[in-house]
Every structure is written in structure tokens, then in C-alpha cells.
Amino acid sequence: MSRVANNPIPVPSGVEVQFQGQLVNVTGGKGTLEFLVHDEVEVSQQDGALQVAARNRNPKARALSGTTRAVLSNIVTGVSTGWQKRLIIQGVGYRAQAQGRTLNLQLGFSHPVEYTLPEGIEVQTPTQTEVVVSGANKQQVGQVAAEIRAFRPPEPYKGKGVRYSDERVRRKEAKKK
């Protein structure tokens, strides 16, 4: 059985945690995030750390306490340092350019792809073939990166498309006569 919930979540300086019933508000340099804790889980702050515990010993409460601990840890990390995903664009003529709240992509279609960024997400393009998605909410950063990748996922024959920087694309050999 997992014991993830037993580990305390250290709260760095500059991060403030407030409790309003079952709602936990976490404020830091990168923004404010809130999380509604399930009724079977209890969250408390002791000695500069958050402690998560199940209210009773049933398996559902223990599982929820581990999940709650992981989500709160991601929230604390997000508001203090933030999250980011790197995407690499590969292909002749494929490129990206960030303009304000819009990401313009040339991905080999007959038209340019314009992706409007949701609130709380920032995108930078250090080079034409590199996109860095960043924000405080880990789930939202991953979702935006997945949506950008979905426009042109990497194909296995030439490797063209949008991929994560740490992704390995399995290459296939071309058909032989």
C-alpha cells in the first residue's frame, strides 16, 4: 500500500496557504491556485509544511489522501517555481511564432494554425522550431502542450511533426520493393 500521504509538503518562503473549510488557497509569486479537498481527507499546516491525512481507515480515504497530497505538492511547486513543457518541431518549413496570446504554427498544412492560449499559460519560442509552454497549473500546462502536439503528432517514417523534447519517436523502415 502506498504511503505517499505520510510525507509532508514543504511550503517555501513566499508561498501562503489559506484554509476556508475544505477549500485550500495557495498564493505565490507565479499566481494563486485553489483546490477543493474531499470530505474524507484532512489537510493541516504544521511547522511550515502541509500535512495530509485520511479521516478514517477505509481504502478509499487512504487513496484520496495520497492523491490529494500529490495534487497539493504540484500546486505548491507551481505557484513558487512554475511548470514548463518543451516541444520540438521537426520538418521542412515547420515553424512556430508566439504573438501575444496566440501561437502561430506552420505545420505543412495549406493554412497556418493559430492556437489561442488559455488564461494562466505563457508560451515562448526561443527558436523557430522550439516551443516552451509554462504556467503555474501542472495539469493545464500538460493539456496545452498536448493540444499543440495534437495538431501534427510525430510520424514514424521521417519523424516529422511536433514532439516533446524528451520524447523518443520509434522510427519505421520504409516499404521495400
N, C-alpha and C. Protein backbone atom coordinates (compact mmCIF):
# COMPACT_ATOMS: atom_id res chain seq x y z
N MET A 1 0.84 -1.18 0.00
CA MET A 1 0.00 0.00 0.00
C MET A 1 0.89 1.24 0.00
N SER A 2 0.50 2.23 -0.75
CA SER A 2 1.29 3.44 -0.88
C SER A 2 1.24 4.29 0.39
N ARG A 3 2.34 4.93 0.68
CA ARG A 3 2.41 5.80 1.86
C ARG A 3 2.76 7.22 1.47
N VAL A 4 2.32 7.63 0.27
CA VAL A 4 2.63 8.96 -0.24
C VAL A 4 2.09 10.04 0.67
N ALA A 5 0.89 9.83 1.21
CA ALA A 5 0.23 10.86 2.01
C ALA A 5 0.97 11.14 3.32
N ASN A 6 1.83 10.23 3.77
CA ASN A 6 2.53 10.44 5.03
C ASN A 6 3.64 11.48 4.92
N ASN A 7 4.13 11.76 3.71
CA ASN A 7 5.20 12.73 3.53
C ASN A 7 4.64 14.14 3.62
N PRO A 8 5.25 15.00 4.42
CA PRO A 8 4.78 16.39 4.48
C PRO A 8 5.18 17.14 3.21
N ILE A 9 4.42 18.19 2.90
CA ILE A 9 4.71 19.03 1.73
C ILE A 9 5.38 20.29 2.25
N PRO A 10 6.68 20.50 1.99
CA PRO A 10 7.33 21.72 2.47
C PRO A 10 6.79 22.95 1.73
N VAL A 11 6.47 23.99 2.49
CA VAL A 11 5.97 25.23 1.91
C VAL A 11 7.13 26.23 1.89
N PRO A 12 7.64 26.60 0.70
CA PRO A 12 8.77 27.52 0.63
C PRO A 12 8.38 28.94 1.07
N SER A 13 9.38 29.75 1.37
CA SER A 13 9.10 31.13 1.77
C SER A 13 8.53 31.88 0.57
N GLY A 14 7.58 32.74 0.82
CA GLY A 14 6.92 33.48 -0.25
C GLY A 14 5.64 32.81 -0.72
N VAL A 15 5.33 31.64 -0.18
CA VAL A 15 4.10 30.94 -0.52
C VAL A 15 3.19 30.95 0.70
N GLU A 16 1.95 31.37 0.49
CA GLU A 16 0.98 31.49 1.58
C GLU A 16 -0.16 30.51 1.35
N VAL A 17 -0.54 29.77 2.40
CA VAL A 17 -1.61 28.79 2.30
C VAL A 17 -2.74 29.22 3.23
N GLN A 18 -3.96 29.26 2.70
CA GLN A 18 -5.13 29.63 3.50
C GLN A 18 -6.18 28.53 3.38
N PHE A 19 -6.89 28.28 4.47
CA PHE A 19 -7.93 27.26 4.50
C PHE A 19 -9.28 27.93 4.71
N GLN A 20 -10.27 27.55 3.90
CA GLN A 20 -11.65 28.00 4.06
C GLN A 20 -12.52 26.76 4.00
N GLY A 21 -12.69 26.10 5.13
CA GLY A 21 -13.40 24.83 5.15
C GLY A 21 -12.57 23.78 4.43
N GLN A 22 -13.12 23.20 3.37
CA GLN A 22 -12.40 22.19 2.59
C GLN A 22 -11.66 22.80 1.40
N LEU A 23 -11.74 24.11 1.22
CA LEU A 23 -11.07 24.78 0.11
C LEU A 23 -9.69 25.27 0.57
N VAL A 24 -8.66 24.91 -0.19
CA VAL A 24 -7.29 25.32 0.13
C VAL A 24 -6.84 26.31 -0.95
N ASN A 25 -6.48 27.54 -0.54
CA ASN A 25 -5.95 28.56 -1.45
C ASN A 25 -4.45 28.66 -1.25
N VAL A 26 -3.69 28.56 -2.33
CA VAL A 26 -2.23 28.66 -2.27
C VAL A 26 -1.82 29.84 -3.15
N THR A 27 -1.12 30.81 -2.55
CA THR A 27 -0.69 32.00 -3.26
C THR A 27 0.82 32.08 -3.24
N GLY A 28 1.40 32.39 -4.41
CA GLY A 28 2.85 32.52 -4.52
C GLY A 28 3.21 33.54 -5.58
N GLY A 29 4.47 33.56 -5.95
CA GLY A 29 4.96 34.52 -6.93
C GLY A 29 4.40 34.31 -8.32
N LYS A 30 4.02 33.08 -8.67
CA LYS A 30 3.52 32.78 -10.01
C LYS A 30 2.00 32.86 -10.12
N GLY A 31 1.31 33.10 -9.01
CA GLY A 31 -0.15 33.23 -9.07
C GLY A 31 -0.82 32.56 -7.88
N THR A 32 -2.13 32.39 -8.01
CA THR A 32 -2.95 31.78 -6.96
C THR A 32 -3.70 30.59 -7.54
N LEU A 33 -3.65 29.47 -6.83
CA LEU A 33 -4.39 28.28 -7.22
C LEU A 33 -5.19 27.80 -6.02
N GLU A 34 -6.33 27.21 -6.28
CA GLU A 34 -7.14 26.67 -5.19
C GLU A 34 -7.52 25.24 -5.50
N PHE A 35 -7.78 24.48 -4.43
CA PHE A 35 -8.11 23.07 -4.57
C PHE A 35 -9.15 22.71 -3.52
N LEU A 36 -10.21 22.04 -3.95
CA LEU A 36 -11.26 21.59 -3.05
C LEU A 36 -10.93 20.18 -2.58
N VAL A 37 -10.67 20.05 -1.29
CA VAL A 37 -10.26 18.78 -0.71
C VAL A 37 -11.51 17.94 -0.43
N HIS A 38 -11.44 16.65 -0.71
CA HIS A 38 -12.55 15.73 -0.47
C HIS A 38 -12.87 15.67 1.03
N ASP A 39 -14.13 15.35 1.35
CA ASP A 39 -14.57 15.32 2.75
C ASP A 39 -13.86 14.25 3.58
N GLU A 40 -13.36 13.19 2.95
CA GLU A 40 -12.71 12.12 3.69
C GLU A 40 -11.22 12.38 3.94
N VAL A 41 -10.73 13.56 3.52
CA VAL A 41 -9.31 13.88 3.67
C VAL A 41 -9.19 15.17 4.48
N GLU A 42 -8.18 15.22 5.34
CA GLU A 42 -7.94 16.38 6.19
C GLU A 42 -6.55 16.95 5.88
N VAL A 43 -6.49 18.27 5.70
CA VAL A 43 -5.22 18.94 5.41
C VAL A 43 -4.96 19.95 6.52
N SER A 44 -3.73 19.95 7.05
CA SER A 44 -3.37 20.90 8.09
C SER A 44 -1.97 21.43 7.82
N GLN A 45 -1.68 22.58 8.42
CA GLN A 45 -0.35 23.19 8.26
C GLN A 45 0.35 23.19 9.60
N GLN A 46 1.55 22.57 9.62
CA GLN A 46 2.34 22.48 10.85
C GLN A 46 3.81 22.71 10.53
N ASP A 47 4.45 23.59 11.24
CA ASP A 47 5.90 23.83 11.14
C ASP A 47 6.34 24.13 9.71
N GLY A 48 5.60 24.96 9.00
CA GLY A 48 5.99 25.34 7.65
C GLY A 48 5.82 24.25 6.62
N ALA A 49 4.96 23.28 6.90
CA ALA A 49 4.70 22.20 5.95
C ALA A 49 3.23 21.82 6.00
N LEU A 50 2.72 21.32 4.89
CA LEU A 50 1.35 20.83 4.84
C LEU A 50 1.34 19.34 5.13
N GLN A 51 0.38 18.92 5.94
CA GLN A 51 0.25 17.51 6.29
C GLN A 51 -1.12 17.03 5.83
N VAL A 52 -1.16 15.92 5.10
CA VAL A 52 -2.40 15.35 4.58
C VAL A 52 -2.65 14.03 5.30
N ALA A 53 -3.91 13.82 5.74
CA ALA A 53 -4.26 12.59 6.44
C ALA A 53 -5.68 12.18 6.09
N ALA A 54 -5.92 10.88 6.09
CA ALA A 54 -7.27 10.35 5.86
C ALA A 54 -8.05 10.47 7.16
N ARG A 55 -9.33 10.83 7.06
CA ARG A 55 -10.15 10.98 8.27
C ARG A 55 -10.50 9.62 8.88
N ASN A 56 -10.59 8.57 8.06
CA ASN A 56 -10.84 7.22 8.58
C ASN A 56 -9.93 6.25 7.84
N ARG A 57 -10.03 4.97 8.18
CA ARG A 57 -9.06 4.00 7.67
C ARG A 57 -9.55 3.21 6.46
N ASN A 58 -10.65 3.60 5.84
CA ASN A 58 -11.11 2.82 4.69
C ASN A 58 -10.21 3.06 3.49
N PRO A 59 -10.13 2.12 2.56
CA PRO A 59 -9.19 2.22 1.43
C PRO A 59 -9.43 3.44 0.54
N LYS A 60 -10.69 3.83 0.36
CA LYS A 60 -10.99 4.99 -0.48
C LYS A 60 -10.39 6.26 0.12
N ALA A 61 -10.52 6.42 1.43
CA ALA A 61 -9.99 7.61 2.10
C ALA A 61 -8.47 7.64 2.02
N ARG A 62 -7.83 6.47 2.16
CA ARG A 62 -6.37 6.42 2.07
C ARG A 62 -5.89 6.75 0.66
N ALA A 63 -6.61 6.24 -0.35
CA ALA A 63 -6.25 6.53 -1.74
C ALA A 63 -6.44 8.01 -2.03
N LEU A 64 -7.53 8.59 -1.57
CA LEU A 64 -7.79 10.01 -1.79
C LEU A 64 -6.76 10.88 -1.08
N SER A 65 -6.27 10.43 0.07
CA SER A 65 -5.27 11.23 0.79
C SER A 65 -3.95 11.27 0.02
N GLY A 66 -3.57 10.16 -0.62
CA GLY A 66 -2.36 10.16 -1.44
C GLY A 66 -2.50 11.03 -2.67
N THR A 67 -3.66 10.98 -3.31
CA THR A 67 -3.91 11.81 -4.49
C THR A 67 -3.91 13.28 -4.09
N THR A 68 -4.56 13.61 -2.98
CA THR A 68 -4.63 14.99 -2.50
C THR A 68 -3.24 15.52 -2.20
N ARG A 69 -2.40 14.68 -1.58
CA ARG A 69 -1.04 15.10 -1.26
C ARG A 69 -0.25 15.42 -2.54
N ALA A 70 -0.40 14.57 -3.57
CA ALA A 70 0.31 14.79 -4.83
C ALA A 70 -0.17 16.07 -5.53
N VAL A 71 -1.48 16.30 -5.55
CA VAL A 71 -2.02 17.49 -6.19
C VAL A 71 -1.59 18.75 -5.45
N LEU A 72 -1.66 18.73 -4.12
CA LEU A 72 -1.23 19.91 -3.34
C LEU A 72 0.27 20.17 -3.51
N SER A 73 1.07 19.13 -3.62
CA SER A 73 2.50 19.30 -3.85
C SER A 73 2.74 19.97 -5.20
N ASN A 74 1.98 19.55 -6.23
CA ASN A 74 2.10 20.17 -7.55
C ASN A 74 1.66 21.62 -7.52
N ILE A 75 0.64 21.94 -6.74
CA ILE A 75 0.16 23.31 -6.63
C ILE A 75 1.21 24.19 -5.96
N VAL A 76 1.81 23.71 -4.87
CA VAL A 76 2.83 24.49 -4.16
C VAL A 76 4.04 24.72 -5.06
N THR A 77 4.47 23.70 -5.79
CA THR A 77 5.58 23.86 -6.73
C THR A 77 5.21 24.82 -7.85
N GLY A 78 3.98 24.75 -8.33
CA GLY A 78 3.53 25.60 -9.42
C GLY A 78 3.51 27.08 -9.07
N VAL A 79 3.02 27.42 -7.88
CA VAL A 79 2.94 28.84 -7.52
C VAL A 79 4.30 29.39 -7.08
N SER A 80 5.25 28.52 -6.74
CA SER A 80 6.56 29.02 -6.34
C SER A 80 7.54 29.06 -7.52
N THR A 81 7.69 27.95 -8.25
CA THR A 81 8.66 27.92 -9.36
C THR A 81 7.99 27.80 -10.73
N GLY A 82 6.80 27.22 -10.79
CA GLY A 82 6.09 27.07 -12.05
C GLY A 82 6.44 25.75 -12.74
N TRP A 83 5.65 25.42 -13.76
CA TRP A 83 5.85 24.21 -14.54
C TRP A 83 6.10 24.60 -15.99
N GLN A 84 6.83 23.77 -16.71
CA GLN A 84 7.03 24.03 -18.13
C GLN A 84 7.21 22.74 -18.91
N LYS A 85 6.78 22.78 -20.17
CA LYS A 85 6.95 21.66 -21.11
C LYS A 85 7.59 22.23 -22.36
N ARG A 86 8.57 21.49 -22.90
CA ARG A 86 9.24 21.90 -24.13
C ARG A 86 8.76 21.03 -25.27
N LEU A 87 8.45 21.68 -26.39
CA LEU A 87 8.05 20.98 -27.60
C LEU A 87 9.05 21.29 -28.69
N ILE A 88 9.37 20.31 -29.52
CA ILE A 88 10.29 20.49 -30.64
C ILE A 88 9.52 20.21 -31.92
N ILE A 89 9.68 21.10 -32.90
CA ILE A 89 9.01 20.96 -34.18
C ILE A 89 10.05 20.51 -35.20
N GLN A 90 9.76 19.40 -35.89
CA GLN A 90 10.69 18.86 -36.88
C GLN A 90 9.99 18.73 -38.21
N GLY A 91 10.62 19.20 -39.25
CA GLY A 91 10.07 19.09 -40.59
C GLY A 91 10.48 20.30 -41.42
N VAL A 92 10.59 20.13 -42.72
CA VAL A 92 10.99 21.21 -43.61
C VAL A 92 9.85 22.23 -43.68
N GLY A 93 10.16 23.48 -43.33
CA GLY A 93 9.17 24.54 -43.37
C GLY A 93 8.27 24.60 -42.15
N TYR A 94 8.46 23.71 -41.19
CA TYR A 94 7.65 23.73 -39.97
C TYR A 94 8.25 24.75 -39.02
N ARG A 95 7.43 25.64 -38.49
CA ARG A 95 7.95 26.63 -37.54
C ARG A 95 6.82 27.16 -36.66
N ALA A 96 7.22 27.82 -35.57
CA ALA A 96 6.26 28.39 -34.62
C ALA A 96 6.69 29.80 -34.28
N GLN A 97 5.71 30.64 -33.96
CA GLN A 97 5.98 32.02 -33.56
C GLN A 97 4.91 32.45 -32.57
N ALA A 98 5.35 32.95 -31.41
CA ALA A 98 4.42 33.44 -30.40
C ALA A 98 4.17 34.92 -30.62
N GLN A 99 2.87 35.29 -30.69
CA GLN A 99 2.49 36.70 -30.84
C GLN A 99 1.40 37.00 -29.83
N GLY A 100 1.79 37.61 -28.70
CA GLY A 100 0.82 37.94 -27.66
C GLY A 100 0.20 36.68 -27.07
N ARG A 101 -1.13 36.57 -27.12
CA ARG A 101 -1.85 35.42 -26.56
C ARG A 101 -2.14 34.36 -27.63
N THR A 102 -1.43 34.43 -28.76
CA THR A 102 -1.66 33.49 -29.86
C THR A 102 -0.34 32.83 -30.26
N LEU A 103 -0.39 31.55 -30.57
CA LEU A 103 0.75 30.82 -31.09
C LEU A 103 0.46 30.48 -32.54
N ASN A 104 1.28 31.02 -33.45
CA ASN A 104 1.12 30.76 -34.88
C ASN A 104 2.04 29.61 -35.27
N LEU A 105 1.46 28.59 -35.89
CA LEU A 105 2.20 27.40 -36.27
C LEU A 105 2.10 27.17 -37.78
N GLN A 106 3.22 26.89 -38.41
CA GLN A 106 3.27 26.45 -39.81
C GLN A 106 3.66 24.97 -39.75
N LEU A 107 2.70 24.09 -40.05
CA LEU A 107 2.94 22.66 -39.87
C LEU A 107 2.71 21.85 -41.15
N GLY A 108 2.92 22.47 -42.30
CA GLY A 108 2.80 21.75 -43.55
C GLY A 108 1.38 21.67 -44.07
N PHE A 109 0.43 22.34 -43.43
CA PHE A 109 -0.93 22.38 -43.96
C PHE A 109 -1.02 23.51 -44.99
N SER A 110 -2.15 23.59 -45.67
CA SER A 110 -2.35 24.66 -46.65
C SER A 110 -2.69 25.98 -45.96
N HIS A 111 -2.85 25.95 -44.65
CA HIS A 111 -3.20 27.14 -43.89
C HIS A 111 -2.37 27.18 -42.62
N PRO A 112 -2.13 28.38 -42.06
CA PRO A 112 -1.44 28.44 -40.77
C PRO A 112 -2.39 28.05 -39.64
N VAL A 113 -1.85 27.44 -38.60
CA VAL A 113 -2.64 27.05 -37.44
C VAL A 113 -2.42 28.12 -36.37
N GLU A 114 -3.52 28.70 -35.89
CA GLU A 114 -3.43 29.70 -34.81
C GLU A 114 -4.05 29.12 -33.56
N TYR A 115 -3.26 29.03 -32.49
CA TYR A 115 -3.73 28.48 -31.22
C TYR A 115 -3.81 29.60 -30.21
N THR A 116 -5.01 29.85 -29.68
CA THR A 116 -5.21 30.89 -28.67
C THR A 116 -4.92 30.29 -27.30
N LEU A 117 -4.09 30.96 -26.52
CA LEU A 117 -3.67 30.45 -25.22
C LEU A 117 -4.73 30.71 -24.16
N PRO A 118 -4.99 29.74 -23.29
CA PRO A 118 -5.90 29.98 -22.17
C PRO A 118 -5.26 30.87 -21.12
N GLU A 119 -6.06 31.39 -20.23
CA GLU A 119 -5.58 32.27 -19.16
C GLU A 119 -4.66 31.49 -18.23
N GLY A 120 -3.55 32.09 -17.84
CA GLY A 120 -2.61 31.46 -16.92
C GLY A 120 -1.50 30.68 -17.59
N ILE A 121 -1.48 30.64 -18.92
CA ILE A 121 -0.45 29.92 -19.67
C ILE A 121 0.34 30.90 -20.50
N GLU A 122 1.66 30.73 -20.49
CA GLU A 122 2.54 31.55 -21.32
C GLU A 122 3.31 30.64 -22.27
N VAL A 123 3.56 31.15 -23.48
CA VAL A 123 4.32 30.39 -24.47
C VAL A 123 5.45 31.26 -24.97
N GLN A 124 6.64 30.66 -25.06
CA GLN A 124 7.80 31.34 -25.63
C GLN A 124 8.34 30.48 -26.75
N THR A 125 8.92 31.15 -27.76
CA THR A 125 9.56 30.44 -28.85
C THR A 125 11.01 30.92 -28.96
N PRO A 126 11.93 30.27 -28.23
CA PRO A 126 13.34 30.67 -28.29
C PRO A 126 13.91 30.56 -29.70
N THR A 127 13.53 29.52 -30.43
CA THR A 127 13.89 29.38 -31.84
C THR A 127 12.61 29.09 -32.60
N GLN A 128 12.70 29.04 -33.92
CA GLN A 128 11.51 28.78 -34.72
C GLN A 128 10.99 27.35 -34.58
N THR A 129 11.85 26.46 -34.12
CA THR A 129 11.45 25.06 -34.01
C THR A 129 11.31 24.60 -32.57
N GLU A 130 11.24 25.53 -31.63
CA GLU A 130 11.14 25.19 -30.22
C GLU A 130 10.02 26.00 -29.59
N VAL A 131 9.18 25.34 -28.80
CA VAL A 131 8.08 26.00 -28.10
C VAL A 131 8.18 25.61 -26.64
N VAL A 132 8.13 26.60 -25.75
CA VAL A 132 8.16 26.35 -24.31
C VAL A 132 6.84 26.82 -23.72
N VAL A 133 6.06 25.87 -23.19
CA VAL A 133 4.78 26.17 -22.55
C VAL A 133 5.02 26.20 -21.05
N SER A 134 4.61 27.30 -20.39
CA SER A 134 4.84 27.41 -18.95
C SER A 134 3.63 28.00 -18.25
N GLY A 135 3.51 27.70 -16.96
CA GLY A 135 2.41 28.20 -16.15
C GLY A 135 2.49 27.62 -14.75
N ALA A 136 1.53 28.00 -13.91
CA ALA A 136 1.51 27.55 -12.52
C ALA A 136 0.76 26.24 -12.34
N ASN A 137 -0.22 25.97 -13.19
CA ASN A 137 -1.06 24.78 -13.06
C ASN A 137 -0.48 23.65 -13.91
N LYS A 138 -0.01 22.59 -13.27
CA LYS A 138 0.64 21.49 -13.98
C LYS A 138 -0.29 20.81 -14.96
N GLN A 139 -1.54 20.61 -14.58
CA GLN A 139 -2.49 19.95 -15.45
C GLN A 139 -2.75 20.79 -16.69
N GLN A 140 -2.90 22.09 -16.52
CA GLN A 140 -3.19 22.98 -17.64
C GLN A 140 -2.00 23.09 -18.59
N VAL A 141 -0.78 23.13 -18.05
CA VAL A 141 0.42 23.17 -18.89
C VAL A 141 0.51 21.91 -19.74
N GLY A 142 0.27 20.75 -19.13
CA GLY A 142 0.30 19.49 -19.87
C GLY A 142 -0.80 19.41 -20.92
N GLN A 143 -1.98 19.93 -20.60
CA GLN A 143 -3.10 19.91 -21.54
C GLN A 143 -2.81 20.78 -22.76
N VAL A 144 -2.28 21.98 -22.54
CA VAL A 144 -1.96 22.88 -23.65
C VAL A 144 -0.86 22.27 -24.53
N ALA A 145 0.16 21.69 -23.90
CA ALA A 145 1.24 21.06 -24.67
C ALA A 145 0.69 19.89 -25.50
N ALA A 146 -0.24 19.12 -24.94
CA ALA A 146 -0.82 18.00 -25.66
C ALA A 146 -1.68 18.49 -26.83
N GLU A 147 -2.40 19.61 -26.64
CA GLU A 147 -3.22 20.14 -27.73
C GLU A 147 -2.35 20.67 -28.86
N ILE A 148 -1.22 21.31 -28.53
CA ILE A 148 -0.31 21.79 -29.58
C ILE A 148 0.30 20.61 -30.32
N ARG A 149 0.69 19.57 -29.59
CA ARG A 149 1.28 18.37 -30.21
C ARG A 149 0.26 17.68 -31.11
N ALA A 150 -1.02 17.73 -30.74
CA ALA A 150 -2.06 17.02 -31.49
C ALA A 150 -2.30 17.61 -32.88
N PHE A 151 -1.87 18.85 -33.13
CA PHE A 151 -2.03 19.42 -34.47
C PHE A 151 -1.25 18.61 -35.51
N ARG A 152 -0.06 18.13 -35.15
CA ARG A 152 0.75 17.34 -36.07
C ARG A 152 1.65 16.42 -35.23
N PRO A 153 1.11 15.26 -34.76
CA PRO A 153 1.94 14.36 -33.97
C PRO A 153 3.08 13.80 -34.82
N PRO A 154 4.19 13.39 -34.21
CA PRO A 154 5.32 12.89 -34.99
C PRO A 154 4.96 11.60 -35.71
N GLU A 155 5.35 11.53 -36.98
CA GLU A 155 5.05 10.32 -37.75
C GLU A 155 6.27 9.41 -37.75
N PRO A 156 6.08 8.10 -37.86
CA PRO A 156 7.18 7.17 -37.64
C PRO A 156 8.16 6.99 -38.80
N TYR A 157 7.86 7.49 -40.00
CA TYR A 157 8.73 7.22 -41.14
C TYR A 157 9.83 8.26 -41.30
N LYS A 158 9.49 9.54 -41.25
CA LYS A 158 10.51 10.58 -41.36
C LYS A 158 10.71 11.33 -40.04
N GLY A 159 9.82 11.14 -39.08
CA GLY A 159 9.94 11.81 -37.78
C GLY A 159 9.43 13.23 -37.78
N LYS A 160 8.70 13.63 -38.83
CA LYS A 160 8.20 14.99 -38.92
C LYS A 160 7.02 15.18 -37.97
N GLY A 161 6.92 16.38 -37.40
CA GLY A 161 5.80 16.69 -36.53
C GLY A 161 6.23 17.41 -35.28
N VAL A 162 5.31 17.52 -34.33
CA VAL A 162 5.56 18.19 -33.05
C VAL A 162 5.72 17.12 -31.98
N ARG A 163 6.82 17.17 -31.24
CA ARG A 163 7.08 16.19 -30.19
C ARG A 163 7.55 16.88 -28.92
N TYR A 164 7.44 16.18 -27.81
CA TYR A 164 8.01 16.67 -26.56
C TYR A 164 9.53 16.56 -26.65
N SER A 165 10.24 17.39 -25.91
CA SER A 165 11.70 17.38 -26.01
C SER A 165 12.31 16.07 -25.51
N ASP A 166 11.63 15.40 -24.57
CA ASP A 166 12.17 14.15 -24.03
C ASP A 166 11.51 12.92 -24.67
N GLU A 167 10.71 13.12 -25.72
CA GLU A 167 10.00 12.02 -26.37
C GLU A 167 10.89 11.33 -27.40
N ARG A 168 10.86 10.02 -27.42
CA ARG A 168 11.58 9.25 -28.42
C ARG A 168 10.55 8.67 -29.38
N VAL A 169 10.69 8.99 -30.65
CA VAL A 169 9.76 8.50 -31.66
C VAL A 169 10.34 7.23 -32.27
N ARG A 170 9.57 6.18 -32.26
CA ARG A 170 10.01 4.92 -32.81
C ARG A 170 9.93 5.01 -34.32
N ARG A 171 11.05 4.86 -34.98
CA ARG A 171 11.12 5.00 -36.43
C ARG A 171 10.87 3.66 -37.10
N LYS A 172 10.17 3.73 -38.25
CA LYS A 172 9.90 2.52 -39.04
C LYS A 172 10.70 2.59 -40.33
N GLU A 173 10.99 1.43 -40.85
CA GLU A 173 11.70 1.36 -42.11
C GLU A 173 10.69 1.49 -43.24
N ALA A 174 11.07 2.14 -44.33
CA ALA A 174 10.16 2.33 -45.46
C ALA A 174 9.92 1.00 -46.18
N LYS A 175 8.85 0.98 -46.93
CA LYS A 175 8.48 -0.23 -47.68
C LYS A 175 9.53 -0.52 -48.75
N LYS A 176 9.88 -1.80 -48.90
CA LYS A 176 10.88 -2.20 -49.87
C LYS A 176 10.21 -2.86 -51.06
N LYS A 177 10.84 -2.74 -52.22
CA LYS A 177 10.29 -3.38 -53.43
C LYS A 177 10.61 -4.83 -53.47
